[in-house]
Amino acid sequence: MKKSGLVVLLVLILGLTSTIVAQQTQSASKKINTITKKGDYAILELRLNNEDEFRTIEGSETSLTRISIFTGKNQGAEVIRKGFEGMNTVVEILNDLKSNGWLLEQVYSMKGESLIITHYLLVRKK
């Protein structure tokens, strides 16, 4: 009896967590859609510590790790996620942006002594 209750609780927590993560991603694309128009550019920035380079599946919760979106009009609200939950998070955000009218135009990386920064240049088509 106790085990089945624990399993149900665990399933509910995991379901709620995945729903919250999905809502955060969707709200990020909806937020930038309200302040941009067709033809506008945005940059999705993935900032990782060098040691995170090898944690693409499990991610990391270090203080310097974050995902941000820059539109030129969202100053102060760029950071959409602190920590890095793995590359699936980036793909999830890119897919959400694509389904909301954004197309990936270019990707480039910069590597410093302690950080790896990848910029995904996006253009709004809808």
N, C-alpha and C. Protein backbone atom coordinates (compact mmCIF):
# COMPACT_ATOMS: atom_id res chain seq x y z
N MET A 1 0.82 -1.18 0.00
CA MET A 1 0.00 0.00 0.00
C MET A 1 0.87 1.26 0.00
N LYS A 2 1.89 1.28 0.86
CA LYS A 2 2.75 2.45 0.94
C LYS A 2 3.55 2.63 -0.34
N LYS A 3 4.01 1.51 -0.91
CA LYS A 3 4.81 1.60 -2.14
C LYS A 3 3.99 2.17 -3.30
N SER A 4 2.74 1.74 -3.42
CA SER A 4 1.92 2.24 -4.52
C SER A 4 1.62 3.73 -4.34
N GLY A 5 1.43 4.16 -3.10
CA GLY A 5 1.22 5.59 -2.83
C GLY A 5 2.44 6.40 -3.18
N LEU A 6 3.62 5.86 -2.87
CA LEU A 6 4.88 6.54 -3.18
C LEU A 6 5.07 6.63 -4.69
N VAL A 7 4.74 5.56 -5.40
CA VAL A 7 4.86 5.56 -6.86
C VAL A 7 3.93 6.60 -7.47
N VAL A 8 2.69 6.66 -6.99
CA VAL A 8 1.73 7.64 -7.50
C VAL A 8 2.22 9.06 -7.24
N LEU A 9 2.74 9.30 -6.04
CA LEU A 9 3.27 10.62 -5.69
C LEU A 9 4.44 10.99 -6.59
N LEU A 10 5.34 10.03 -6.83
CA LEU A 10 6.50 10.28 -7.69
C LEU A 10 6.06 10.60 -9.12
N VAL A 11 5.08 9.86 -9.64
CA VAL A 11 4.58 10.12 -10.99
C VAL A 11 3.94 11.50 -11.07
N LEU A 12 3.18 11.89 -10.05
CA LEU A 12 2.57 13.22 -10.04
C LEU A 12 3.62 14.33 -10.02
N ILE A 13 4.66 14.15 -9.21
CA ILE A 13 5.72 15.15 -9.13
C ILE A 13 6.44 15.28 -10.46
N LEU A 14 6.79 14.14 -11.07
CA LEU A 14 7.47 14.18 -12.37
C LEU A 14 6.59 14.81 -13.44
N GLY A 15 5.31 14.49 -13.44
CA GLY A 15 4.39 15.09 -14.41
C GLY A 15 4.26 16.58 -14.23
N LEU A 16 4.16 17.02 -12.99
CA LEU A 16 4.06 18.45 -12.69
C LEU A 16 5.33 19.18 -13.09
N THR A 17 6.49 18.58 -12.81
CA THR A 17 7.77 19.19 -13.17
C THR A 17 7.89 19.35 -14.68
N SER A 18 7.55 18.32 -15.44
CA SER A 18 7.65 18.42 -16.90
C SER A 18 6.67 19.45 -17.45
N THR A 19 5.49 19.57 -16.85
CA THR A 19 4.52 20.58 -17.27
C THR A 19 5.03 21.98 -17.01
N ILE A 20 5.63 22.19 -15.85
CA ILE A 20 6.18 23.51 -15.50
C ILE A 20 7.30 23.88 -16.46
N VAL A 21 8.20 22.93 -16.77
CA VAL A 21 9.30 23.21 -17.70
C VAL A 21 8.74 23.56 -19.07
N ALA A 22 7.74 22.83 -19.54
CA ALA A 22 7.14 23.12 -20.84
C ALA A 22 6.49 24.49 -20.85
N GLN A 23 5.83 24.86 -19.76
CA GLN A 23 5.19 26.17 -19.70
C GLN A 23 6.22 27.29 -19.69
N GLN A 24 7.37 27.08 -19.03
CA GLN A 24 8.42 28.10 -19.03
C GLN A 24 8.92 28.34 -20.45
N THR A 25 9.14 27.25 -21.19
CA THR A 25 9.63 27.36 -22.55
C THR A 25 8.60 28.06 -23.43
N GLN A 26 7.34 27.66 -23.35
CA GLN A 26 6.31 28.28 -24.17
C GLN A 26 6.17 29.76 -23.82
N SER A 27 6.21 30.08 -22.57
CA SER A 27 6.03 31.48 -22.20
C SER A 27 7.20 32.33 -22.70
N ALA A 28 8.39 31.73 -22.82
CA ALA A 28 9.54 32.47 -23.34
C ALA A 28 9.30 32.87 -24.80
N SER A 29 8.82 31.94 -25.62
CA SER A 29 8.56 32.27 -27.03
C SER A 29 7.39 33.24 -27.15
N LYS A 30 6.39 33.07 -26.32
CA LYS A 30 5.25 33.99 -26.38
C LYS A 30 5.64 35.38 -25.93
N LYS A 31 6.52 35.47 -24.94
CA LYS A 31 6.99 36.78 -24.48
C LYS A 31 7.72 37.52 -25.59
N ILE A 32 8.62 36.83 -26.29
CA ILE A 32 9.37 37.54 -27.33
C ILE A 32 8.51 37.81 -28.55
N ASN A 33 7.48 37.00 -28.77
CA ASN A 33 6.57 37.28 -29.89
C ASN A 33 5.76 38.54 -29.64
N THR A 34 5.50 38.88 -28.39
CA THR A 34 4.71 40.08 -28.11
C THR A 34 5.52 41.36 -28.30
N ILE A 35 6.85 41.26 -28.27
CA ILE A 35 7.69 42.47 -28.41
C ILE A 35 8.46 42.51 -29.72
N THR A 36 8.22 41.55 -30.61
CA THR A 36 8.91 41.54 -31.90
C THR A 36 7.88 41.45 -33.02
N LYS A 37 8.38 41.65 -34.24
CA LYS A 37 7.50 41.53 -35.41
C LYS A 37 8.23 40.74 -36.48
N LYS A 38 7.52 40.41 -37.53
CA LYS A 38 8.09 39.64 -38.63
C LYS A 38 9.34 40.33 -39.15
N GLY A 39 10.41 39.55 -39.35
CA GLY A 39 11.67 40.08 -39.84
C GLY A 39 12.66 40.44 -38.74
N ASP A 40 12.21 40.50 -37.49
CA ASP A 40 13.10 40.81 -36.37
C ASP A 40 14.03 39.64 -36.07
N TYR A 41 15.19 39.97 -35.54
CA TYR A 41 16.17 38.97 -35.13
C TYR A 41 16.17 38.82 -33.62
N ALA A 42 16.58 37.65 -33.18
CA ALA A 42 16.78 37.39 -31.76
C ALA A 42 17.98 36.45 -31.63
N ILE A 43 18.62 36.47 -30.49
CA ILE A 43 19.73 35.57 -30.22
C ILE A 43 19.39 34.73 -29.00
N LEU A 44 19.41 33.41 -29.17
CA LEU A 44 19.30 32.49 -28.06
C LEU A 44 20.73 32.18 -27.63
N GLU A 45 21.04 32.47 -26.38
CA GLU A 45 22.41 32.28 -25.88
C GLU A 45 22.44 31.15 -24.87
N LEU A 46 23.33 30.20 -25.11
CA LEU A 46 23.60 29.12 -24.17
C LEU A 46 24.98 29.36 -23.58
N ARG A 47 25.03 29.62 -22.29
CA ARG A 47 26.31 29.91 -21.62
C ARG A 47 26.62 28.77 -20.66
N LEU A 48 27.75 28.10 -20.89
CA LEU A 48 28.16 26.96 -20.08
C LEU A 48 29.55 27.18 -19.51
N ASN A 49 29.82 26.58 -18.37
CA ASN A 49 31.18 26.50 -17.87
C ASN A 49 31.91 25.46 -18.72
N ASN A 50 33.23 25.57 -18.83
CA ASN A 50 33.99 24.62 -19.64
C ASN A 50 33.72 23.17 -19.24
N GLU A 51 33.59 22.91 -17.94
CA GLU A 51 33.37 21.53 -17.51
C GLU A 51 31.98 21.03 -17.91
N ASP A 52 31.05 21.93 -18.24
CA ASP A 52 29.71 21.52 -18.68
C ASP A 52 29.72 20.98 -20.10
N GLU A 53 30.82 21.21 -20.82
CA GLU A 53 30.92 20.77 -22.21
C GLU A 53 30.66 19.27 -22.32
N PHE A 54 31.00 18.53 -21.29
CA PHE A 54 30.85 17.08 -21.33
C PHE A 54 29.61 16.61 -20.58
N ARG A 55 28.75 17.53 -20.14
CA ARG A 55 27.53 17.19 -19.41
C ARG A 55 26.30 17.52 -20.25
N THR A 56 26.35 17.16 -21.52
CA THR A 56 25.27 17.55 -22.42
C THR A 56 23.98 16.79 -22.17
N ILE A 57 24.05 15.66 -21.48
CA ILE A 57 22.83 14.90 -21.19
C ILE A 57 22.29 15.25 -19.82
N GLU A 58 23.15 15.21 -18.80
CA GLU A 58 22.66 15.42 -17.44
C GLU A 58 22.60 16.88 -17.02
N GLY A 59 23.33 17.74 -17.71
CA GLY A 59 23.28 19.16 -17.38
C GLY A 59 24.07 19.52 -16.13
N SER A 60 23.85 20.74 -15.65
CA SER A 60 24.57 21.26 -14.50
C SER A 60 23.76 22.40 -13.91
N GLU A 61 23.92 22.65 -12.65
CA GLU A 61 23.20 23.74 -11.98
C GLU A 61 24.17 24.80 -11.47
N THR A 62 25.32 24.96 -12.11
CA THR A 62 26.30 25.94 -11.64
C THR A 62 25.78 27.36 -11.85
N SER A 63 26.35 28.28 -11.12
CA SER A 63 25.83 29.66 -11.13
C SER A 63 26.05 30.38 -12.45
N LEU A 64 27.07 30.03 -13.21
CA LEU A 64 27.35 30.74 -14.46
C LEU A 64 26.59 30.17 -15.65
N THR A 65 25.96 29.04 -15.47
CA THR A 65 25.26 28.39 -16.56
C THR A 65 23.86 28.96 -16.70
N ARG A 66 23.49 29.33 -17.97
CA ARG A 66 22.16 29.90 -18.19
C ARG A 66 21.79 29.85 -19.66
N ILE A 67 20.50 30.03 -19.91
CA ILE A 67 19.99 30.17 -21.27
C ILE A 67 19.25 31.51 -21.31
N SER A 68 19.58 32.33 -22.31
CA SER A 68 18.98 33.67 -22.42
C SER A 68 18.51 33.91 -23.84
N ILE A 69 17.56 34.83 -23.98
CA ILE A 69 17.12 35.28 -25.30
C ILE A 69 17.25 36.80 -25.34
N PHE A 70 17.93 37.30 -26.38
CA PHE A 70 18.12 38.74 -26.56
C PHE A 70 17.34 39.17 -27.80
N THR A 71 16.52 40.20 -27.66
CA THR A 71 15.74 40.71 -28.78
C THR A 71 16.06 42.17 -29.09
N GLY A 72 16.80 42.82 -28.21
CA GLY A 72 17.04 44.25 -28.34
C GLY A 72 15.97 45.07 -27.65
N LYS A 73 14.89 44.41 -27.25
CA LYS A 73 13.77 45.11 -26.62
C LYS A 73 13.41 44.53 -25.25
N ASN A 74 14.13 43.51 -24.82
CA ASN A 74 13.77 42.85 -23.57
C ASN A 74 14.83 43.02 -22.48
N GLN A 75 15.43 44.18 -22.42
CA GLN A 75 16.50 44.44 -21.46
C GLN A 75 16.01 44.17 -20.04
N GLY A 76 16.79 43.38 -19.31
CA GLY A 76 16.45 43.02 -17.94
C GLY A 76 15.65 41.73 -17.83
N ALA A 77 15.14 41.24 -18.94
CA ALA A 77 14.34 40.00 -18.93
C ALA A 77 14.92 38.96 -19.87
N GLU A 78 16.23 39.00 -20.08
CA GLU A 78 16.86 38.12 -21.06
C GLU A 78 16.96 36.67 -20.59
N VAL A 79 17.27 36.47 -19.31
CA VAL A 79 17.52 35.12 -18.81
C VAL A 79 16.19 34.37 -18.71
N ILE A 80 16.11 33.25 -19.42
CA ILE A 80 14.89 32.45 -19.35
C ILE A 80 15.08 31.20 -18.51
N ARG A 81 16.31 30.79 -18.29
CA ARG A 81 16.55 29.61 -17.47
C ARG A 81 17.95 29.65 -16.90
N LYS A 82 18.06 29.54 -15.58
CA LYS A 82 19.37 29.42 -14.94
C LYS A 82 19.65 27.95 -14.74
N GLY A 83 20.91 27.59 -14.87
CA GLY A 83 21.26 26.17 -14.83
C GLY A 83 21.09 25.58 -16.21
N PHE A 84 21.59 24.39 -16.40
CA PHE A 84 21.56 23.73 -17.70
C PHE A 84 21.11 22.30 -17.47
N GLU A 85 19.98 21.95 -18.01
CA GLU A 85 19.40 20.63 -17.79
C GLU A 85 19.77 19.65 -18.88
N GLY A 86 20.68 20.01 -19.77
CA GLY A 86 21.10 19.15 -20.86
C GLY A 86 20.66 19.71 -22.21
N MET A 87 21.22 19.16 -23.28
CA MET A 87 20.94 19.68 -24.62
C MET A 87 19.48 19.50 -25.03
N ASN A 88 18.77 18.56 -24.39
CA ASN A 88 17.35 18.42 -24.69
C ASN A 88 16.59 19.71 -24.39
N THR A 89 17.04 20.45 -23.39
CA THR A 89 16.41 21.73 -23.06
C THR A 89 16.57 22.72 -24.21
N VAL A 90 17.76 22.78 -24.78
CA VAL A 90 18.02 23.70 -25.89
C VAL A 90 17.17 23.30 -27.10
N VAL A 91 17.12 22.02 -27.40
CA VAL A 91 16.31 21.54 -28.53
C VAL A 91 14.84 21.85 -28.29
N GLU A 92 14.38 21.68 -27.06
CA GLU A 92 12.99 21.99 -26.71
C GLU A 92 12.68 23.46 -26.95
N ILE A 93 13.58 24.34 -26.55
CA ILE A 93 13.38 25.78 -26.75
C ILE A 93 13.41 26.12 -28.24
N LEU A 94 14.38 25.56 -28.98
CA LEU A 94 14.46 25.82 -30.42
C LEU A 94 13.20 25.32 -31.15
N ASN A 95 12.71 24.14 -30.77
CA ASN A 95 11.48 23.62 -31.39
C ASN A 95 10.29 24.52 -31.08
N ASP A 96 10.22 25.00 -29.86
CA ASP A 96 9.13 25.89 -29.48
C ASP A 96 9.20 27.20 -30.27
N LEU A 97 10.40 27.75 -30.39
CA LEU A 97 10.56 28.99 -31.16
C LEU A 97 10.19 28.76 -32.63
N LYS A 98 10.61 27.63 -33.18
CA LYS A 98 10.29 27.32 -34.57
C LYS A 98 8.78 27.21 -34.77
N SER A 99 8.10 26.55 -33.85
CA SER A 99 6.64 26.40 -33.99
C SER A 99 5.90 27.72 -33.79
N ASN A 100 6.58 28.72 -33.24
CA ASN A 100 5.98 30.04 -33.05
C ASN A 100 6.53 31.07 -34.04
N GLY A 101 7.07 30.59 -35.17
CA GLY A 101 7.44 31.49 -36.25
C GLY A 101 8.89 31.91 -36.33
N TRP A 102 9.77 31.32 -35.53
CA TRP A 102 11.19 31.69 -35.55
C TRP A 102 11.99 30.62 -36.29
N LEU A 103 12.92 31.05 -37.16
CA LEU A 103 13.77 30.12 -37.89
C LEU A 103 15.23 30.36 -37.50
N LEU A 104 15.96 29.26 -37.37
CA LEU A 104 17.38 29.33 -37.03
C LEU A 104 18.15 29.73 -38.28
N GLU A 105 18.90 30.82 -38.17
CA GLU A 105 19.64 31.33 -39.32
C GLU A 105 21.13 31.01 -39.24
N GLN A 106 21.69 31.04 -38.03
CA GLN A 106 23.13 30.83 -37.89
C GLN A 106 23.44 30.43 -36.45
N VAL A 107 24.52 29.65 -36.28
CA VAL A 107 25.00 29.25 -34.95
C VAL A 107 26.49 29.52 -34.90
N TYR A 108 26.94 30.15 -33.82
CA TYR A 108 28.37 30.34 -33.63
C TYR A 108 28.71 30.25 -32.15
N SER A 109 29.93 29.78 -31.88
CA SER A 109 30.39 29.60 -30.49
C SER A 109 31.60 30.45 -30.21
N MET A 110 31.73 30.82 -28.95
CA MET A 110 32.91 31.54 -28.45
C MET A 110 33.38 30.79 -27.22
N LYS A 111 34.68 30.58 -27.13
CA LYS A 111 35.22 29.84 -25.99
C LYS A 111 36.25 30.69 -25.28
N GLY A 112 36.05 30.89 -23.99
CA GLY A 112 37.00 31.63 -23.17
C GLY A 112 37.72 30.68 -22.23
N GLU A 113 38.37 31.25 -21.23
CA GLU A 113 39.09 30.41 -20.27
C GLU A 113 38.16 29.54 -19.46
N SER A 114 37.02 30.08 -19.06
CA SER A 114 36.13 29.31 -18.20
C SER A 114 34.72 29.13 -18.77
N LEU A 115 34.40 29.80 -19.87
CA LEU A 115 33.05 29.73 -20.42
C LEU A 115 33.03 29.31 -21.88
N ILE A 116 31.97 28.64 -22.25
CA ILE A 116 31.65 28.36 -23.65
C ILE A 116 30.30 29.03 -23.90
N ILE A 117 30.26 29.94 -24.86
CA ILE A 117 29.02 30.64 -25.17
C ILE A 117 28.63 30.29 -26.61
N THR A 118 27.42 29.80 -26.78
CA THR A 118 26.91 29.48 -28.11
C THR A 118 25.72 30.38 -28.39
N HIS A 119 25.77 31.06 -29.53
CA HIS A 119 24.68 31.93 -29.95
C HIS A 119 23.94 31.27 -31.11
N TYR A 120 22.63 31.23 -30.99
CA TYR A 120 21.75 30.74 -32.04
C TYR A 120 21.02 31.97 -32.57
N LEU A 121 21.37 32.41 -33.78
CA LEU A 121 20.74 33.58 -34.39
C LEU A 121 19.44 33.16 -35.05
N LEU A 122 18.35 33.77 -34.62
CA LEU A 122 17.02 33.42 -35.10
C LEU A 122 16.37 34.62 -35.77
N VAL A 123 15.51 34.36 -36.75
CA VAL A 123 14.75 35.43 -37.40
C VAL A 123 13.27 35.04 -37.35
N ARG A 124 12.44 36.03 -37.07
CA ARG A 124 11.00 35.77 -36.97
C ARG A 124 10.38 35.83 -38.36
N LYS A 125 9.74 34.75 -38.78
CA LYS A 125 9.15 34.65 -40.12
C LYS A 125 7.64 34.84 -40.12
N LYS A 126 6.99 34.68 -38.96
CA LYS A 126 5.52 34.83 -38.90
C LYS A 126 5.16 36.07 -38.13
